[in-house]
């Protein structure tokens, strides 16, 4: 959704002023900023707990919920939130042990995708809103959607602040945490609910099919740049924010999807960190130690 009538210039400030004259871009940046912050934080725990499949599964389950909402005349975002939250709870209960978690997630995912196919087949109208969830629709976000994203994001931030330490401990070593009497099952349920809501609001930006770009890639990149949990989370959030902002800015002037630019930016940065930065860094340390 590029504004081809407005040419891009080398004056960055002027380009930004032109872009923010449009209300839909204001809403896109508002929602995108919230989603990037949440995805960067929750994504750290997703990577730490090796739960990338869970985030991916919940995003696809969200599509089934959106399809059901369209069938019953409800806004897709509410169906998305409901389906991911319920499914996240069920996944946590069935897969309380990490060894069996992927199997249980796969079972729930298969069932919900079947329900999604049923909902779509029963719907006789145009399911444009449900299908748009597959690839994201950040440039079509309304003020109400931005407000809903803010509310959901605030709830996630508050929940993470409350359970941060025990969740971090159980994520690092689940067996030791359980041996010390920590409520591992309860923490697992809370974690899955956090992922469910985070995936639901992130879908607006990058869509179901590209959810990894914000929920996993920034956190995976950050883990290669820092070791302390707080630093990893900060770096993860910064990467997600920069990719989202830059993706929105470029898509305003170029006729290509926002999700394409966001996913490309985080992927290229991950490749740079993994194959270039980490090969240069040890050499610098070696030179410093022997100077």
Protein backbone atom coordinates (compact mmCIF):
# COMPACT_ATOMS: atom_id res chain seq x y z
CA UNK A 1 0.00 0.00 0.00
CA UNK A 2 2.54 2.52 -1.10
CA UNK A 3 1.70 6.14 -1.71
CA UNK A 4 3.27 6.20 -5.18
CA UNK A 5 2.13 9.78 -5.78
CA UNK A 6 4.52 10.94 -3.05
CA UNK A 7 8.16 10.54 -4.13
CA UNK A 8 10.87 9.47 -1.74
CA UNK A 9 13.58 12.05 -1.10
CA UNK A 10 16.93 12.18 0.67
CA UNK A 11 15.44 14.49 3.31
CA UNK A 12 14.48 11.98 5.99
CA UNK A 13 12.71 14.52 8.20
CA UNK A 14 10.55 15.76 5.33
CA UNK A 15 9.69 12.18 4.34
CA UNK A 16 8.62 11.38 7.90
CA UNK A 17 6.46 14.50 8.07
CA UNK A 18 4.72 13.54 4.83
CA UNK A 19 4.14 10.02 6.05
CA UNK A 20 2.65 11.00 9.40
CA UNK A 21 0.12 13.28 7.71
CA UNK A 22 -1.90 10.14 7.06
CA UNK A 23 -3.96 8.77 9.93
CA UNK A 24 -3.60 5.15 8.83
CA UNK A 25 0.18 5.46 9.10
CA UNK A 26 -0.12 6.92 12.58
CA UNK A 27 -2.21 3.94 13.68
CA UNK A 28 0.19 1.54 11.97
CA UNK A 29 3.17 2.97 13.86
CA UNK A 30 1.26 2.96 17.15
CA UNK A 31 0.20 -0.67 16.83
CA UNK A 32 3.51 -1.73 15.31
CA UNK A 33 5.48 -0.21 18.18
CA UNK A 34 3.39 -2.00 20.80
CA UNK A 35 3.58 -5.31 18.95
CA UNK A 36 7.36 -5.04 18.49
CA UNK A 37 7.92 -4.40 22.20
CA UNK A 38 5.71 -7.31 23.24
CA UNK A 39 7.12 -9.66 20.61
CA UNK A 40 10.66 -8.80 21.64
CA UNK A 41 9.97 -9.56 25.32
CA UNK A 42 7.80 -12.66 24.97
CA UNK A 43 9.97 -13.89 22.10
CA UNK A 44 12.92 -14.14 24.49
CA UNK A 45 11.07 -16.68 26.62
CA UNK A 46 9.84 -18.47 23.49
CA UNK A 47 13.44 -18.98 22.34
CA UNK A 48 14.72 -19.73 25.85
CA UNK A 49 12.06 -22.43 26.39
CA UNK A 50 12.52 -23.78 22.84
CA UNK A 51 8.85 -23.12 22.15
CA UNK A 52 9.04 -21.71 18.64
CA UNK A 53 6.65 -24.39 17.43
CA UNK A 54 4.14 -23.29 20.06
CA UNK A 55 4.20 -19.69 18.82
CA UNK A 56 3.86 -20.87 15.24
CA UNK A 57 1.00 -23.22 16.13
CA UNK A 58 -0.90 -20.58 18.10
CA UNK A 59 -0.65 -18.16 15.19
CA UNK A 60 -2.21 -20.74 12.87
CA UNK A 61 -4.85 -21.55 15.45
CA UNK A 62 -5.65 -17.85 15.52
CA UNK A 63 -6.61 -18.07 11.86
CA UNK A 64 -9.16 -20.78 12.72
CA UNK A 65 -10.59 -18.55 15.45
CA UNK A 66 -10.77 -15.59 13.08
CA UNK A 67 -12.59 -17.73 10.53
CA UNK A 68 -15.09 -18.80 13.20
CA UNK A 69 -15.63 -15.20 14.25
CA UNK A 70 -16.37 -14.20 10.66
CA UNK A 71 -18.88 -17.05 10.39
CA UNK A 72 -20.77 -15.83 13.47
CA UNK A 73 -20.59 -12.16 12.56
CA UNK A 74 -17.98 -11.22 15.18
CA UNK A 75 -14.82 -9.17 14.60
CA UNK A 76 -11.99 -11.57 13.61
CA UNK A 77 -9.58 -10.20 16.24
CA UNK A 78 -11.86 -11.36 19.06
CA UNK A 79 -12.11 -14.86 17.60
CA UNK A 80 -8.35 -14.85 17.22
CA UNK A 81 -7.76 -13.89 20.85
CA UNK A 82 -10.29 -16.41 22.15
CA UNK A 83 -9.04 -19.35 20.10
CA UNK A 84 -5.35 -18.77 20.87
CA UNK A 85 -5.97 -18.27 24.59
CA UNK A 86 -8.10 -21.41 24.97
CA UNK A 87 -5.72 -23.46 22.82
CA UNK A 88 -2.71 -22.15 24.72
CA UNK A 89 -4.30 -23.23 28.00
CA UNK A 90 -5.10 -26.70 26.61
CA UNK A 91 -1.56 -27.08 25.22
CA UNK A 92 -0.05 -26.20 28.59
CA UNK A 93 -2.26 -28.73 30.41
CA UNK A 94 -1.68 -31.57 27.93
CA UNK A 95 2.02 -30.85 27.45
CA UNK A 96 3.12 -30.20 31.01
CA UNK A 97 6.40 -32.00 30.30
CA UNK A 98 8.81 -30.57 27.77
CA UNK A 99 9.56 -34.03 26.33
CA UNK A 100 5.96 -34.44 25.14
CA UNK A 101 5.06 -30.80 24.50
CA UNK A 102 5.54 -30.71 20.72
CA UNK A 103 3.33 -33.77 20.29
CA UNK A 104 0.47 -32.24 22.26
CA UNK A 105 0.84 -28.91 20.45
CA UNK A 106 0.68 -30.71 17.11
CA UNK A 107 -2.50 -32.53 18.14
CA UNK A 108 -4.27 -29.33 19.17
CA UNK A 109 -3.03 -27.53 16.05
CA UNK A 110 -4.35 -30.24 13.73
CA UNK A 111 -7.78 -30.16 15.38
CA UNK A 112 -8.06 -26.36 15.25
CA UNK A 113 -6.95 -26.19 11.63
CA UNK A 114 -9.69 -28.67 10.82
CA UNK A 115 -12.17 -26.40 12.56
CA UNK A 116 -10.85 -23.47 10.55
CA UNK A 117 -11.47 -25.32 7.29
CA UNK A 118 -15.03 -26.09 8.45
CA UNK A 119 -15.70 -22.44 9.36
CA UNK A 120 -14.43 -21.19 6.01
CA UNK A 121 -16.48 -23.75 4.09
CA UNK A 122 -19.65 -22.80 5.97
CA UNK A 123 -19.21 -19.08 5.38
CA UNK A 124 -20.99 -17.95 2.21
CA UNK A 125 -19.76 -14.34 2.08
CA UNK A 126 -16.33 -12.82 1.47
CA UNK A 127 -13.93 -13.75 4.28
CA UNK A 128 -11.49 -11.00 3.37
CA UNK A 129 -10.77 -10.06 6.99
CA UNK A 130 -10.03 -13.64 7.99
CA UNK A 131 -7.75 -14.23 5.00
CA UNK A 132 -5.90 -10.95 5.61
CA UNK A 133 -4.78 -12.38 8.95
CA UNK A 134 -2.59 -14.81 7.01
CA UNK A 135 -0.29 -12.00 5.86
CA UNK A 136 -1.06 -9.10 8.22
CA UNK A 137 -2.97 -5.87 7.69
CA UNK A 138 -1.10 -3.27 9.69
CA UNK A 139 -1.86 -0.49 7.20
CA UNK A 140 -5.55 -1.14 7.71
CA UNK A 141 -5.53 -0.87 11.49
CA UNK A 142 -8.16 1.48 12.93
CA UNK A 143 -7.94 3.58 16.08
CA UNK A 144 -10.02 0.94 17.89
CA UNK A 145 -7.62 -1.80 16.79
CA UNK A 146 -4.67 0.26 18.00
CA UNK A 147 -6.41 0.76 21.35
CA UNK A 148 -7.14 -2.96 21.65
CA UNK A 149 -3.48 -3.67 20.90
CA UNK A 150 -2.44 -1.23 23.61
CA UNK A 151 -4.74 -2.88 26.17
CA UNK A 152 -3.55 -6.38 25.28
CA UNK A 153 0.08 -5.25 25.30
CA UNK A 154 -0.30 -3.61 28.71
CA UNK A 155 -1.78 -6.80 30.15
CA UNK A 156 1.14 -8.82 28.80
CA UNK A 157 3.72 -6.39 30.19
CA UNK A 158 2.05 -6.43 33.62
CA UNK A 159 1.93 -10.24 33.63
CA UNK A 160 5.59 -10.56 32.60
CA UNK A 161 6.61 -8.11 35.34
CA UNK A 162 4.80 -10.23 37.95
CA UNK A 163 6.12 -13.66 36.89
CA UNK A 164 9.48 -12.63 35.42
CA UNK A 165 11.80 -14.24 37.97
CA UNK A 166 10.00 -17.58 38.45
CA UNK A 167 9.29 -17.82 34.71
CA UNK A 168 12.97 -17.18 33.93
CA UNK A 169 14.07 -19.78 36.48
CA UNK A 170 11.69 -22.45 35.17
CA UNK A 171 12.65 -21.62 31.60
CA UNK A 172 16.36 -22.11 32.32
CA UNK A 173 15.92 -25.43 34.16
CA UNK A 174 12.43 -26.82 34.50
CA UNK A 175 13.42 -29.89 36.54
CA UNK A 176 15.40 -27.92 39.13
CA UNK A 177 12.58 -25.39 39.41
CA UNK A 178 10.09 -28.18 40.06
CA UNK A 179 12.40 -29.79 42.61
CA UNK A 180 12.51 -26.49 44.49
CA UNK A 181 8.73 -26.48 44.74
CA UNK A 182 7.97 -23.87 42.08
CA UNK A 183 4.54 -24.15 40.37
CA UNK A 184 5.95 -25.27 37.03
CA UNK A 185 2.57 -26.23 35.57
CA UNK A 186 1.03 -22.87 36.50
CA UNK A 187 4.03 -21.03 35.03
CA UNK A 188 3.68 -23.10 31.87
CA UNK A 189 0.02 -22.10 31.58
CA UNK A 190 0.84 -18.43 32.13
CA UNK A 191 3.62 -18.63 29.54
CA UNK A 192 1.35 -20.20 26.92
CA UNK A 193 -1.32 -17.56 27.55
CA UNK A 194 1.29 -14.83 27.15
CA UNK A 195 2.41 -16.36 23.86
CA UNK A 196 -1.21 -16.72 22.74
CA UNK A 197 -2.05 -13.05 23.29
CA UNK A 198 1.31 -11.87 21.93
CA UNK A 199 0.87 -13.98 18.79
CA UNK A 200 -2.66 -12.65 18.37
CA UNK A 201 -1.62 -9.02 18.33
CA UNK A 202 1.54 -9.71 16.29
CA UNK A 203 -0.61 -11.28 13.58
CA UNK A 204 -1.87 -7.79 12.72
CA UNK A 205 1.65 -6.76 11.72
CA UNK A 206 3.17 -9.76 9.95
CA UNK A 207 0.32 -12.25 9.66
CA UNK A 208 -0.01 -15.89 10.64
CA UNK A 209 2.42 -17.22 8.05
CA UNK A 210 5.25 -14.86 9.06
CA UNK A 211 4.84 -14.79 12.85
CA UNK A 212 8.40 -16.05 13.37
CA UNK A 213 9.80 -12.77 12.07
CA UNK A 214 8.85 -10.87 15.23
CA UNK A 215 8.24 -13.62 17.79
CA UNK A 216 11.46 -15.58 17.27
CA UNK A 217 14.08 -13.98 15.00
CA UNK A 218 14.85 -10.82 17.06
CA UNK A 219 15.19 -12.85 20.27
CA UNK A 220 17.34 -15.50 18.54
CA UNK A 221 19.57 -12.73 17.20
CA UNK A 222 19.78 -11.01 20.59
CA UNK A 223 20.93 -14.24 22.25
CA UNK A 224 23.99 -14.17 20.02
CA UNK A 225 24.81 -10.60 21.07
CA UNK A 226 24.40 -10.84 24.85
CA UNK A 227 24.21 -13.33 27.70
CA UNK A 228 22.40 -11.54 30.53
CA UNK A 229 18.62 -11.98 30.24
CA UNK A 230 17.85 -8.27 30.67
CA UNK A 231 20.30 -7.29 27.94
CA UNK A 232 18.99 -9.97 25.60
CA UNK A 233 15.43 -8.73 26.08
CA UNK A 234 16.42 -5.10 25.45
CA UNK A 235 18.33 -5.99 22.28
CA UNK A 236 15.45 -8.19 21.11
CA UNK A 237 12.99 -5.32 21.55
CA UNK A 238 15.31 -2.86 19.77
CA UNK A 239 15.70 -5.20 16.78
CA UNK A 240 11.93 -5.77 16.55
CA UNK A 241 11.26 -2.03 16.82
CA UNK A 242 13.81 -1.03 14.19
CA UNK A 243 12.59 -3.70 11.76
CA UNK A 244 8.95 -2.67 12.22
CA UNK A 245 9.59 1.07 11.92
CA UNK A 246 11.90 0.69 8.94
CA UNK A 247 9.51 -1.76 7.27
CA UNK A 248 6.61 0.67 7.65
CA UNK A 249 8.67 3.58 6.35
CA UNK A 250 9.86 1.72 3.24
CA UNK A 251 6.42 0.27 2.48
CA UNK A 252 4.94 3.78 2.46
CA UNK A 253 7.06 4.62 -0.59
CA UNK A 254 7.33 1.19 -2.22
CA UNK A 255 4.43 -0.92 -3.58
CA UNK A 256 5.25 -4.07 -1.61
CA UNK A 257 3.78 -5.59 1.61
CA UNK A 258 4.97 -4.33 5.00
CA UNK A 259 5.41 -7.89 6.24
CA UNK A 260 7.91 -8.59 3.44
CA UNK A 261 10.16 -5.71 4.52
CA UNK A 262 9.92 -6.55 8.24
CA UNK A 263 10.74 -10.23 7.76
CA UNK A 264 13.57 -9.42 5.35
CA UNK A 265 15.16 -6.89 7.71
CA UNK A 266 15.20 -9.20 10.76
CA UNK A 267 16.38 -12.15 8.66
CA UNK A 268 19.27 -10.22 7.09
CA UNK A 269 20.30 -8.88 10.50
CA UNK A 270 20.23 -12.41 11.96
CA UNK A 271 22.45 -13.67 9.13
CA UNK A 272 24.84 -10.75 9.64
CA UNK A 273 25.14 -11.41 13.38
CA UNK A 274 25.57 -15.14 12.96
CA UNK A 275 27.99 -15.29 10.05
CA UNK A 276 29.79 -11.92 10.10
CA UNK A 277 29.68 -10.28 13.52
CA UNK A 278 30.43 -13.41 15.53
CA UNK A 279 33.45 -14.19 13.37
CA UNK A 280 34.85 -10.69 13.79
CA UNK A 281 34.22 -10.46 17.53
CA UNK A 282 36.56 -13.29 18.66
CA UNK A 283 39.39 -11.76 16.60
CA UNK A 284 38.93 -8.44 18.41
CA UNK A 285 39.04 -10.20 21.77
CA UNK A 286 42.17 -12.10 20.73
CA UNK A 287 43.92 -8.92 19.61
CA UNK A 288 42.96 -7.12 22.83
CA UNK A 289 44.27 -9.91 25.05
CA UNK A 290 47.66 -10.09 23.37
CA UNK A 291 48.41 -6.44 22.66
